[in-house]
Every structure is written in C-alpha cells, then in structure tokens.
N, C-alpha and C. Protein backbone atom coordinates (compact mmCIF):
# COMPACT_ATOMS: atom_id res chain seq x y z
N MET A 1 102.84 98.00 117.43
CA MET A 1 102.68 96.79 116.63
C MET A 1 102.70 97.15 115.15
N THR A 2 103.50 96.42 114.37
CA THR A 2 103.52 96.62 112.93
C THR A 2 103.12 95.33 112.23
N THR A 3 102.74 95.45 110.99
CA THR A 3 102.36 94.28 110.21
C THR A 3 103.07 94.32 108.87
N THR A 4 103.30 93.16 108.31
CA THR A 4 103.86 93.10 106.96
C THR A 4 102.88 92.39 106.03
N ASP A 5 101.62 92.38 106.41
CA ASP A 5 100.60 91.67 105.63
C ASP A 5 99.84 92.62 104.72
N ALA A 6 99.69 92.24 103.47
CA ALA A 6 98.86 92.99 102.53
C ALA A 6 97.40 92.59 102.72
N LEU A 7 96.52 93.53 102.40
CA LEU A 7 95.08 93.25 102.35
C LEU A 7 94.73 92.97 100.90
N ARG A 8 94.13 91.79 100.64
CA ARG A 8 93.90 91.39 99.25
C ARG A 8 92.43 91.01 99.03
N LEU A 9 91.88 91.53 97.95
CA LEU A 9 90.54 91.18 97.51
C LEU A 9 90.66 90.41 96.21
N ASP A 10 89.97 89.26 96.15
CA ASP A 10 90.04 88.41 94.96
C ASP A 10 88.63 88.14 94.45
N LYS A 11 88.27 88.85 93.38
CA LYS A 11 86.97 88.67 92.72
C LYS A 11 85.80 88.84 93.69
N VAL A 12 85.86 89.93 94.47
CA VAL A 12 84.80 90.22 95.43
C VAL A 12 83.63 90.88 94.70
N SER A 13 82.44 90.39 94.97
CA SER A 13 81.22 90.97 94.39
C SER A 13 80.22 91.23 95.51
N ILE A 14 79.64 92.44 95.50
CA ILE A 14 78.60 92.78 96.46
C ILE A 14 77.71 93.83 95.80
N GLY A 15 76.40 93.67 95.92
CA GLY A 15 75.49 94.58 95.22
C GLY A 15 75.76 94.51 93.73
N HIS A 16 75.91 95.68 93.10
CA HIS A 16 76.19 95.68 91.66
C HIS A 16 77.69 95.69 91.35
N LEU A 17 78.53 95.72 92.38
CA LEU A 17 79.97 95.63 92.15
C LEU A 17 80.36 94.19 91.86
N GLU A 18 81.17 94.01 90.83
CA GLU A 18 81.52 92.65 90.41
C GLU A 18 83.04 92.48 90.28
N ASP A 19 83.51 91.32 90.75
CA ASP A 19 84.90 90.89 90.50
C ASP A 19 85.93 91.95 90.88
N VAL A 20 85.79 92.49 92.09
CA VAL A 20 86.75 93.48 92.57
C VAL A 20 88.01 92.75 93.04
N THR A 21 89.09 92.98 92.35
CA THR A 21 90.38 92.38 92.70
C THR A 21 91.37 93.50 92.96
N LEU A 22 91.94 93.50 94.16
CA LEU A 22 92.76 94.63 94.60
C LEU A 22 93.68 94.17 95.71
N ALA A 23 94.89 94.68 95.75
CA ALA A 23 95.81 94.42 96.86
C ALA A 23 96.30 95.76 97.39
N VAL A 24 96.26 95.91 98.71
CA VAL A 24 96.76 97.11 99.38
C VAL A 24 97.95 96.68 100.22
N ALA A 25 99.11 97.22 99.91
CA ALA A 25 100.35 96.81 100.57
C ALA A 25 100.46 97.41 101.96
N PRO A 26 101.26 96.83 102.84
CA PRO A 26 101.50 97.43 104.15
C PRO A 26 102.04 98.85 104.01
N GLY A 27 101.45 99.78 104.74
CA GLY A 27 101.87 101.17 104.67
C GLY A 27 101.33 101.95 103.50
N GLU A 28 100.53 101.32 102.66
CA GLU A 28 99.98 101.98 101.47
C GLU A 28 98.57 102.48 101.75
N ILE A 29 98.25 103.67 101.23
CA ILE A 29 96.89 104.20 101.31
C ILE A 29 96.29 104.20 99.91
N VAL A 30 95.22 103.47 99.75
CA VAL A 30 94.48 103.42 98.49
C VAL A 30 93.15 104.12 98.71
N CYS A 31 92.89 105.15 97.92
CA CYS A 31 91.63 105.89 98.03
C CYS A 31 90.61 105.33 97.04
N LEU A 32 89.37 105.34 97.48
CA LEU A 32 88.25 104.85 96.68
C LEU A 32 87.21 105.96 96.59
N SER A 33 86.82 106.31 95.36
CA SER A 33 85.80 107.33 95.17
C SER A 33 84.73 106.79 94.21
N GLY A 34 83.67 107.57 94.05
CA GLY A 34 82.59 107.17 93.15
C GLY A 34 81.32 107.90 93.52
N PRO A 35 80.34 107.88 92.64
CA PRO A 35 79.09 108.58 92.90
C PRO A 35 78.38 108.04 94.14
N SER A 36 77.52 108.86 94.72
CA SER A 36 76.70 108.43 95.84
C SER A 36 75.88 107.21 95.42
N GLY A 37 75.87 106.19 96.27
CA GLY A 37 75.12 104.98 95.97
C GLY A 37 75.85 103.98 95.08
N SER A 38 77.11 104.26 94.77
CA SER A 38 77.85 103.37 93.86
C SER A 38 78.37 102.11 94.54
N GLY A 39 78.35 102.08 95.88
CA GLY A 39 78.75 100.86 96.57
C GLY A 39 80.03 100.96 97.38
N LYS A 40 80.53 102.17 97.59
CA LYS A 40 81.79 102.33 98.32
C LYS A 40 81.68 101.81 99.75
N SER A 41 80.66 102.25 100.47
CA SER A 41 80.51 101.85 101.86
C SER A 41 80.20 100.36 101.97
N ARG A 42 79.39 99.85 101.04
CA ARG A 42 79.07 98.42 101.09
C ARG A 42 80.31 97.57 100.84
N LEU A 43 81.20 98.03 99.99
CA LEU A 43 82.44 97.30 99.76
C LEU A 43 83.27 97.26 101.04
N LEU A 44 83.38 98.39 101.73
CA LEU A 44 84.11 98.40 103.00
C LEU A 44 83.46 97.46 104.01
N ARG A 45 82.15 97.45 104.06
CA ARG A 45 81.45 96.56 104.99
C ARG A 45 81.68 95.09 104.63
N ALA A 46 81.75 94.80 103.36
CA ALA A 46 82.06 93.43 102.94
C ALA A 46 83.47 93.04 103.38
N ILE A 47 84.41 93.96 103.19
CA ILE A 47 85.80 93.68 103.59
C ILE A 47 85.88 93.47 105.10
N ALA A 48 85.04 94.18 105.86
CA ALA A 48 85.01 94.05 107.31
C ALA A 48 84.18 92.86 107.78
N ASP A 49 83.66 92.08 106.85
CA ASP A 49 82.82 90.91 107.17
C ASP A 49 81.54 91.31 107.89
N LEU A 50 80.96 92.41 107.42
CA LEU A 50 79.69 92.88 107.95
C LEU A 50 78.53 92.69 106.97
N GLU A 51 78.86 92.34 105.72
CA GLU A 51 77.83 92.02 104.73
C GLU A 51 78.29 90.82 103.93
N PRO A 52 77.35 89.93 103.58
CA PRO A 52 77.71 88.77 102.76
C PRO A 52 78.14 89.20 101.36
N HIS A 53 79.05 88.45 100.78
CA HIS A 53 79.61 88.81 99.47
C HIS A 53 80.17 87.55 98.82
N ASP A 54 80.42 87.66 97.55
CA ASP A 54 81.13 86.61 96.82
C ASP A 54 82.60 86.98 96.73
N GLY A 55 83.45 85.98 96.50
CA GLY A 55 84.87 86.22 96.37
C GLY A 55 85.59 86.06 97.70
N ASP A 56 86.89 86.21 97.67
CA ASP A 56 87.73 85.97 98.84
C ASP A 56 88.48 87.23 99.26
N ILE A 57 88.68 87.36 100.56
CA ILE A 57 89.42 88.48 101.12
C ILE A 57 90.46 87.92 102.08
N TRP A 58 91.68 88.44 101.96
CA TRP A 58 92.81 87.92 102.73
C TRP A 58 93.55 89.05 103.41
N LEU A 59 94.08 88.77 104.57
CA LEU A 59 95.09 89.61 105.21
C LEU A 59 96.32 88.73 105.37
N GLY A 60 97.31 88.96 104.50
CA GLY A 60 98.44 88.04 104.45
C GLY A 60 97.95 86.66 104.09
N ASP A 61 98.26 85.66 104.93
CA ASP A 61 97.81 84.29 104.65
C ASP A 61 96.56 83.92 105.43
N ARG A 62 95.92 84.92 106.06
CA ARG A 62 94.70 84.67 106.82
C ARG A 62 93.48 85.04 105.99
N ALA A 63 92.62 84.08 105.76
CA ALA A 63 91.42 84.29 104.96
C ALA A 63 90.27 84.75 105.85
N GLN A 64 89.51 85.73 105.37
CA GLN A 64 88.33 86.18 106.11
C GLN A 64 87.41 85.01 106.41
N SER A 65 87.25 84.11 105.45
CA SER A 65 86.31 83.01 105.58
C SER A 65 86.72 81.99 106.64
N GLN A 66 87.97 82.05 107.08
CA GLN A 66 88.47 81.08 108.05
C GLN A 66 88.47 81.59 109.48
N LEU A 67 88.08 82.85 109.68
CA LEU A 67 88.12 83.45 111.01
C LEU A 67 86.72 83.87 111.46
N PRO A 68 86.43 83.79 112.76
CA PRO A 68 85.17 84.35 113.26
C PRO A 68 85.10 85.85 112.96
N GLY A 69 83.90 86.34 112.74
CA GLY A 69 83.74 87.73 112.33
C GLY A 69 84.39 88.72 113.28
N HIS A 70 84.20 88.53 114.60
CA HIS A 70 84.74 89.49 115.55
C HIS A 70 86.27 89.48 115.53
N GLU A 71 86.85 88.30 115.30
CA GLU A 71 88.31 88.22 115.24
C GLU A 71 88.84 88.93 113.99
N TRP A 72 88.17 88.72 112.86
CA TRP A 72 88.58 89.39 111.61
C TRP A 72 88.47 90.91 111.76
N ARG A 73 87.38 91.38 112.37
CA ARG A 73 87.18 92.82 112.50
C ARG A 73 88.17 93.46 113.47
N GLY A 74 88.77 92.66 114.35
CA GLY A 74 89.84 93.17 115.18
C GLY A 74 91.13 93.38 114.40
N LEU A 75 91.28 92.60 113.33
CA LEU A 75 92.46 92.72 112.47
C LEU A 75 92.25 93.75 111.37
N VAL A 76 91.09 93.70 110.74
CA VAL A 76 90.75 94.59 109.62
C VAL A 76 89.63 95.50 110.12
N MET A 77 90.01 96.67 110.61
CA MET A 77 89.07 97.50 111.37
C MET A 77 88.44 98.59 110.51
N LEU A 78 87.12 98.64 110.57
CA LEU A 78 86.35 99.63 109.84
C LEU A 78 86.05 100.82 110.75
N VAL A 79 86.31 102.04 110.25
CA VAL A 79 85.86 103.26 110.90
C VAL A 79 84.76 103.83 110.01
N PRO A 80 83.48 103.62 110.37
CA PRO A 80 82.39 104.06 109.50
C PRO A 80 82.22 105.57 109.53
N ALA A 81 81.43 106.06 108.59
CA ALA A 81 81.19 107.50 108.52
C ALA A 81 80.48 108.00 109.78
N GLU A 82 79.60 107.20 110.34
CA GLU A 82 78.90 107.54 111.58
C GLU A 82 79.28 106.49 112.62
N SER A 83 80.12 106.88 113.57
CA SER A 83 80.61 105.93 114.57
C SER A 83 79.56 105.69 115.65
N GLN A 84 79.63 104.51 116.26
CA GLN A 84 78.69 104.13 117.32
C GLN A 84 79.38 104.28 118.69
N TRP A 85 78.62 104.76 119.66
CA TRP A 85 79.11 104.96 121.03
C TRP A 85 78.10 104.37 121.99
N TRP A 86 78.52 103.47 122.87
CA TRP A 86 77.58 102.70 123.67
C TRP A 86 77.78 102.86 125.17
N ALA A 87 78.89 103.43 125.61
CA ALA A 87 79.15 103.65 127.03
C ALA A 87 79.10 105.15 127.33
N PRO A 88 78.93 105.53 128.58
CA PRO A 88 78.77 106.95 128.90
C PRO A 88 79.97 107.84 128.58
N SER A 89 81.21 107.35 128.84
CA SER A 89 82.38 108.21 128.68
C SER A 89 83.25 107.76 127.51
N VAL A 90 84.04 108.70 127.00
CA VAL A 90 84.89 108.41 125.84
C VAL A 90 85.88 107.30 126.14
N GLY A 91 86.55 107.37 127.28
CA GLY A 91 87.61 106.43 127.59
C GLY A 91 87.15 104.99 127.71
N GLU A 92 85.87 104.77 127.99
CA GLU A 92 85.35 103.40 128.11
C GLU A 92 85.32 102.67 126.77
N HIS A 93 85.49 103.39 125.67
CA HIS A 93 85.38 102.80 124.35
C HIS A 93 86.72 102.38 123.75
N ALA A 94 87.81 102.67 124.43
CA ALA A 94 89.13 102.48 123.80
C ALA A 94 90.11 101.84 124.77
N ARG A 95 91.15 101.29 124.20
CA ARG A 95 92.32 100.92 124.99
C ARG A 95 93.12 102.20 125.22
N PRO A 96 94.17 102.13 126.05
CA PRO A 96 94.92 103.37 126.33
C PRO A 96 95.37 104.09 125.05
N ILE A 97 95.17 105.40 125.03
CA ILE A 97 95.57 106.25 123.91
C ILE A 97 96.68 107.18 124.40
N SER A 98 97.76 107.26 123.65
CA SER A 98 98.89 108.06 124.09
C SER A 98 98.56 109.55 124.06
N GLN A 99 99.24 110.29 124.93
CA GLN A 99 99.08 111.74 124.95
C GLN A 99 99.45 112.34 123.60
N GLU A 100 100.47 111.75 122.96
CA GLU A 100 100.92 112.23 121.66
C GLU A 100 99.82 112.12 120.61
N ASP A 101 99.14 110.98 120.58
CA ASP A 101 98.07 110.80 119.60
C ASP A 101 96.88 111.71 119.90
N LEU A 102 96.52 111.84 121.18
CA LEU A 102 95.44 112.75 121.54
C LEU A 102 95.76 114.17 121.09
N ALA A 103 96.99 114.62 121.38
CA ALA A 103 97.37 115.98 121.03
C ALA A 103 97.39 116.19 119.52
N ALA A 104 97.78 115.15 118.78
CA ALA A 104 97.86 115.27 117.33
C ALA A 104 96.51 115.60 116.71
N LEU A 105 95.43 115.13 117.36
CA LEU A 105 94.09 115.39 116.83
C LEU A 105 93.34 116.44 117.65
N GLY A 106 94.08 117.19 118.48
CA GLY A 106 93.49 118.34 119.15
C GLY A 106 92.84 118.06 120.49
N PHE A 107 93.23 116.97 121.15
CA PHE A 107 92.64 116.61 122.44
C PHE A 107 93.72 116.56 123.52
N ASP A 108 93.27 116.40 124.77
CA ASP A 108 94.21 116.16 125.86
C ASP A 108 93.69 115.00 126.71
N ARG A 109 94.42 114.66 127.77
CA ARG A 109 94.08 113.49 128.57
C ARG A 109 92.67 113.58 129.16
N GLU A 110 92.22 114.78 129.49
CA GLU A 110 90.89 114.95 130.08
C GLU A 110 89.78 114.53 129.12
N THR A 111 90.07 114.53 127.83
CA THR A 111 89.05 114.16 126.84
C THR A 111 88.50 112.77 127.12
N LEU A 112 89.33 111.87 127.63
CA LEU A 112 88.90 110.50 127.87
C LEU A 112 87.82 110.42 128.95
N ASP A 113 87.71 111.46 129.77
CA ASP A 113 86.68 111.50 130.81
C ASP A 113 85.40 112.19 130.34
N TRP A 114 85.42 112.76 129.15
CA TRP A 114 84.23 113.44 128.65
C TRP A 114 83.07 112.47 128.50
N GLN A 115 81.86 113.00 128.67
CA GLN A 115 80.65 112.24 128.39
C GLN A 115 80.39 112.25 126.89
N VAL A 116 80.02 111.10 126.35
CA VAL A 116 79.78 110.99 124.91
C VAL A 116 78.70 111.97 124.46
N GLY A 117 77.71 112.21 125.32
CA GLY A 117 76.61 113.09 124.95
C GLY A 117 77.02 114.52 124.65
N ARG A 118 78.21 114.93 125.09
CA ARG A 118 78.64 116.31 124.86
C ARG A 118 79.43 116.45 123.57
N LEU A 119 79.73 115.35 122.89
CA LEU A 119 80.60 115.38 121.72
C LEU A 119 79.88 115.93 120.49
N SER A 120 80.58 116.77 119.73
CA SER A 120 80.09 117.19 118.42
C SER A 120 80.34 116.07 117.41
N SER A 121 79.76 116.18 116.23
CA SER A 121 79.97 115.16 115.20
C SER A 121 81.44 115.10 114.79
N GLY A 122 82.10 116.26 114.73
CA GLY A 122 83.51 116.28 114.37
C GLY A 122 84.39 115.64 115.44
N GLU A 123 84.06 115.91 116.72
CA GLU A 123 84.81 115.27 117.81
C GLU A 123 84.63 113.76 117.79
N LYS A 124 83.41 113.31 117.55
CA LYS A 124 83.18 111.87 117.45
C LYS A 124 84.01 111.25 116.33
N GLN A 125 84.09 111.95 115.20
CA GLN A 125 84.82 111.42 114.07
C GLN A 125 86.31 111.27 114.38
N ARG A 126 86.90 112.31 114.99
CA ARG A 126 88.32 112.25 115.35
C ARG A 126 88.57 111.20 116.42
N LEU A 127 87.70 111.14 117.41
CA LEU A 127 87.88 110.16 118.49
C LEU A 127 87.66 108.73 118.00
N ALA A 128 86.81 108.55 117.01
CA ALA A 128 86.63 107.21 116.44
C ALA A 128 87.92 106.72 115.78
N LEU A 129 88.67 107.63 115.15
CA LEU A 129 89.96 107.26 114.58
C LEU A 129 90.95 106.86 115.67
N LEU A 130 91.01 107.66 116.74
CA LEU A 130 91.90 107.33 117.85
C LEU A 130 91.50 106.00 118.49
N ARG A 131 90.20 105.80 118.65
CA ARG A 131 89.71 104.54 119.22
C ARG A 131 90.14 103.35 118.37
N ALA A 132 89.98 103.45 117.07
CA ALA A 132 90.34 102.34 116.19
C ALA A 132 91.81 101.99 116.31
N LEU A 133 92.68 102.99 116.27
CA LEU A 133 94.11 102.72 116.34
C LEU A 133 94.54 102.20 117.69
N SER A 134 93.77 102.50 118.74
CA SER A 134 94.12 102.01 120.08
C SER A 134 94.04 100.49 120.17
N PHE A 135 93.28 99.87 119.28
CA PHE A 135 93.13 98.42 119.30
C PHE A 135 94.16 97.70 118.42
N SER A 136 95.11 98.44 117.89
CA SER A 136 96.23 97.88 117.11
C SER A 136 95.77 96.98 115.97
N PRO A 137 94.94 97.48 115.07
CA PRO A 137 94.53 96.67 113.92
C PRO A 137 95.70 96.44 112.98
N CYS A 138 95.52 95.47 112.08
CA CYS A 138 96.54 95.18 111.06
C CYS A 138 96.19 95.78 109.71
N ALA A 139 94.97 96.28 109.55
CA ALA A 139 94.54 96.98 108.33
C ALA A 139 93.41 97.92 108.74
N LEU A 140 93.23 98.98 107.96
CA LEU A 140 92.28 100.02 108.34
C LEU A 140 91.39 100.35 107.14
N LEU A 141 90.08 100.40 107.39
CA LEU A 141 89.08 100.77 106.40
C LEU A 141 88.42 102.07 106.86
N LEU A 142 88.57 103.13 106.09
CA LEU A 142 88.10 104.45 106.49
C LEU A 142 87.01 104.93 105.54
N ASP A 143 85.83 105.20 106.09
CA ASP A 143 84.70 105.66 105.27
C ASP A 143 84.51 107.16 105.50
N GLU A 144 85.10 107.96 104.62
CA GLU A 144 85.03 109.43 104.71
C GLU A 144 85.38 109.92 106.12
N PRO A 145 86.59 109.65 106.58
CA PRO A 145 86.93 109.92 107.99
C PRO A 145 87.02 111.38 108.36
N THR A 146 87.01 112.29 107.38
CA THR A 146 87.09 113.72 107.70
C THR A 146 85.87 114.50 107.21
N ALA A 147 84.78 113.82 106.91
CA ALA A 147 83.63 114.47 106.28
C ALA A 147 83.02 115.56 107.15
N ASN A 148 83.10 115.44 108.49
CA ASN A 148 82.46 116.41 109.38
C ASN A 148 83.45 117.42 109.96
N LEU A 149 84.66 117.50 109.39
CA LEU A 149 85.71 118.32 109.98
C LEU A 149 85.97 119.58 109.17
N ASP A 150 86.42 120.63 109.87
CA ASP A 150 86.84 121.83 109.18
C ASP A 150 88.23 121.62 108.59
N ASP A 151 88.73 122.59 107.87
CA ASP A 151 89.99 122.42 107.15
C ASP A 151 91.16 122.12 108.09
N THR A 152 91.21 122.82 109.22
CA THR A 152 92.32 122.61 110.15
C THR A 152 92.30 121.20 110.73
N ALA A 153 91.13 120.76 111.18
CA ALA A 153 91.02 119.41 111.74
C ALA A 153 91.26 118.35 110.67
N THR A 154 90.81 118.61 109.45
CA THR A 154 91.05 117.68 108.35
C THR A 154 92.54 117.50 108.11
N GLN A 155 93.27 118.60 108.05
CA GLN A 155 94.71 118.52 107.82
C GLN A 155 95.41 117.78 108.95
N ARG A 156 94.95 118.00 110.18
CA ARG A 156 95.53 117.28 111.32
C ARG A 156 95.32 115.77 111.16
N CYS A 157 94.10 115.38 110.83
CA CYS A 157 93.78 113.96 110.68
C CYS A 157 94.56 113.34 109.53
N GLU A 158 94.62 114.03 108.42
CA GLU A 158 95.37 113.51 107.28
C GLU A 158 96.83 113.26 107.64
N SER A 159 97.46 114.25 108.27
CA SER A 159 98.87 114.12 108.62
C SER A 159 99.09 112.98 109.60
N TRP A 160 98.21 112.89 110.60
CA TRP A 160 98.33 111.84 111.61
C TRP A 160 98.12 110.45 111.00
N LEU A 161 97.12 110.31 110.14
CA LEU A 161 96.85 109.02 109.52
C LEU A 161 97.99 108.61 108.58
N LEU A 162 98.51 109.55 107.82
CA LEU A 162 99.66 109.24 106.95
C LEU A 162 100.84 108.74 107.77
N GLU A 163 101.12 109.42 108.86
CA GLU A 163 102.25 109.04 109.71
C GLU A 163 102.04 107.66 110.32
N ARG A 164 100.84 107.42 110.84
CA ARG A 164 100.57 106.14 111.49
C ARG A 164 100.53 104.99 110.48
N ALA A 165 100.00 105.22 109.30
CA ALA A 165 99.98 104.17 108.28
C ALA A 165 101.40 103.74 107.94
N ARG A 166 102.29 104.72 107.78
CA ARG A 166 103.69 104.39 107.47
C ARG A 166 104.38 103.73 108.67
N GLN A 167 104.19 104.32 109.84
CA GLN A 167 104.87 103.84 111.04
C GLN A 167 104.46 102.41 111.40
N LEU A 168 103.19 102.10 111.28
CA LEU A 168 102.66 100.80 111.66
C LEU A 168 102.54 99.83 110.48
N SER A 169 102.92 100.29 109.28
CA SER A 169 102.82 99.48 108.06
C SER A 169 101.40 98.95 107.84
N LEU A 170 100.43 99.84 108.01
CA LEU A 170 99.03 99.45 107.85
C LEU A 170 98.59 99.60 106.39
N PRO A 171 98.01 98.57 105.81
CA PRO A 171 97.29 98.79 104.55
C PRO A 171 95.99 99.54 104.85
N VAL A 172 95.74 100.62 104.11
CA VAL A 172 94.58 101.48 104.38
C VAL A 172 93.77 101.64 103.11
N LEU A 173 92.47 101.35 103.20
CA LEU A 173 91.53 101.63 102.11
C LEU A 173 90.63 102.75 102.59
N TRP A 174 90.66 103.89 101.89
CA TRP A 174 90.11 105.16 102.37
C TRP A 174 89.10 105.67 101.35
N VAL A 175 87.81 105.70 101.72
CA VAL A 175 86.77 106.29 100.87
C VAL A 175 86.82 107.80 101.01
N ALA A 176 86.94 108.50 99.90
CA ALA A 176 87.06 109.96 99.91
C ALA A 176 86.39 110.54 98.68
N HIS A 177 85.93 111.79 98.81
CA HIS A 177 85.34 112.52 97.68
C HIS A 177 86.19 113.70 97.23
N ASP A 178 86.89 114.31 98.17
CA ASP A 178 87.64 115.53 97.91
C ASP A 178 88.89 115.21 97.09
N SER A 179 88.96 115.75 95.89
CA SER A 179 90.10 115.45 95.01
C SER A 179 91.41 115.95 95.60
N ARG A 180 91.37 117.06 96.35
CA ARG A 180 92.59 117.56 96.99
C ARG A 180 93.08 116.60 98.05
N GLN A 181 92.14 116.05 98.83
CA GLN A 181 92.53 115.08 99.84
C GLN A 181 93.11 113.82 99.20
N ILE A 182 92.48 113.35 98.15
CA ILE A 182 92.96 112.14 97.47
C ILE A 182 94.37 112.37 96.95
N GLU A 183 94.59 113.52 96.36
CA GLU A 183 95.93 113.84 95.84
C GLU A 183 96.97 113.87 96.96
N HIS A 184 96.54 114.33 98.12
CA HIS A 184 97.46 114.48 99.25
C HIS A 184 97.79 113.15 99.91
N VAL A 185 96.79 112.27 100.11
CA VAL A 185 97.01 111.08 100.94
C VAL A 185 97.22 109.79 100.16
N ALA A 186 96.75 109.72 98.92
CA ALA A 186 96.67 108.42 98.25
C ALA A 186 97.97 108.04 97.55
N ASN A 187 98.36 106.78 97.73
CA ASN A 187 99.38 106.19 96.88
C ASN A 187 98.77 105.75 95.55
N ARG A 188 97.53 105.28 95.63
CA ARG A 188 96.75 104.94 94.43
C ARG A 188 95.31 105.36 94.65
N HIS A 189 94.60 105.56 93.53
CA HIS A 189 93.21 106.02 93.59
C HIS A 189 92.39 105.20 92.60
N TYR A 190 91.30 104.62 93.10
CA TYR A 190 90.37 103.89 92.24
C TYR A 190 89.00 104.55 92.34
N ARG A 191 88.30 104.58 91.21
CA ARG A 191 86.96 105.13 91.16
C ARG A 191 86.00 104.03 90.70
N ILE A 192 84.83 103.99 91.36
CA ILE A 192 83.80 103.04 90.94
C ILE A 192 83.08 103.60 89.73
N GLU A 193 83.13 102.85 88.65
CA GLU A 193 82.40 103.20 87.43
C GLU A 193 81.54 102.01 87.04
N GLY A 194 80.25 102.17 87.23
CA GLY A 194 79.34 101.05 86.97
C GLY A 194 79.57 99.93 87.97
N SER A 195 79.90 98.75 87.47
CA SER A 195 80.10 97.60 88.34
C SER A 195 81.57 97.31 88.62
N ARG A 196 82.47 98.21 88.20
CA ARG A 196 83.91 97.93 88.28
C ARG A 196 84.67 99.04 88.98
N LEU A 197 85.87 98.70 89.44
CA LEU A 197 86.82 99.69 89.90
C LEU A 197 87.75 100.04 88.75
N LYS A 198 87.98 101.33 88.57
CA LYS A 198 88.90 101.79 87.54
C LYS A 198 89.98 102.63 88.18
N GLU A 199 91.25 102.29 87.95
CA GLU A 199 92.34 103.06 88.53
C GLU A 199 92.41 104.43 87.85
N VAL A 200 92.53 105.47 88.68
CA VAL A 200 92.63 106.83 88.18
C VAL A 200 94.10 107.19 88.05
N ARG A 201 94.52 107.57 86.89
CA ARG A 201 95.95 107.89 86.66
C ARG A 201 96.22 109.35 86.98
C-alpha cells in the first residue's frame, strides 16, 4: 500500500511548544531534535491524537479532528521509545510480516513464535518497527527508534526504514539525537529551541 498524502501541522501548540506549522511530504523523512524535556515526544503524541492540543493536523484531506482516535492512529502510527506488548507471543501483535522484512532487521520466521518475555530491549525496538509497518500506516511517527541498538542493528534499521519510506511513500517524522543519524536519514531537520521549531541548515 502506498500513499500520496502529506502529513500537515497547522499552528499546533502543546505544552510550551507554540504554533508548530510543518508539512512532511510522502516519502520524506523529517528529523526532530532538541534538549531533553523540550517537547519532542509530546509533539509526536499530539500528532498521534494521544494528547490534547491546539491547532489542526491533517493527513491529505483527512483532519485528525474529524476521525475517531483509533482510526487516526491506524493511519498515522506512532512507534514510541518504549513499545507496549500485551499478548504472550510476538506474532500475536502484528499482521503478517514478510520474510524479507524480518531478515532485514535480523530475524527469521521463528521469531514470530517467540515469547515476549524473552525479548531484549533492542529486539523489542526492532520488532515494534516491523509491527507498525505490518498494519500499513499512511504516515509514521518514530520516537528514537534506534536508541537501544548497537551500531550494526542501527544501520540495518536506518537502511530498512529509508527503503520502506521511499517505497511506500510514507511521510515520516523521526525524533533523533545522533547528528550522524540525522545526516544520514533526514531530508530536513528541525530543532526545538524554546517554544518554536527552527530548521537546521
């Protein structure tokens, strides 16, 4: 499934962030950075309709305010820094995942039968990405998706996400701290400074 819809924020305010106006085009990765506590995660949660906010958020011609929360979150999917797991096995949390995608992030078909309790934090992080893409979202919100990974796993995730964003024409808003990662994956980079977003040249 591909989309041709941009993700648009129009004067969104949450916490001390004010009047955030931003458009992320299909297939574009926009990275967001800023000091700890500056509001990066809260902004993603607002975009995912998980926190109340001022301003309007759109996916193409569909307004967040016009859709039930669960329906919006199926379209604009958040992968939080700490993913939640509620069923005993990995496969119970996702729709079918291709062997190609599993292998790209270092897994095989048997992984879907693993018990969640045996997963490391890094495995949970990679599997949360696979889980999110299995539901065919139209936009992706990533909150430090490689924070618990070593260099090899990080590079695998970056390459896979870049490929899938282009292939599926997904607008992606990606919270990141590592300047090398931002340079590698971002089409544009914004930093939170005070109550505003400032584009980093």
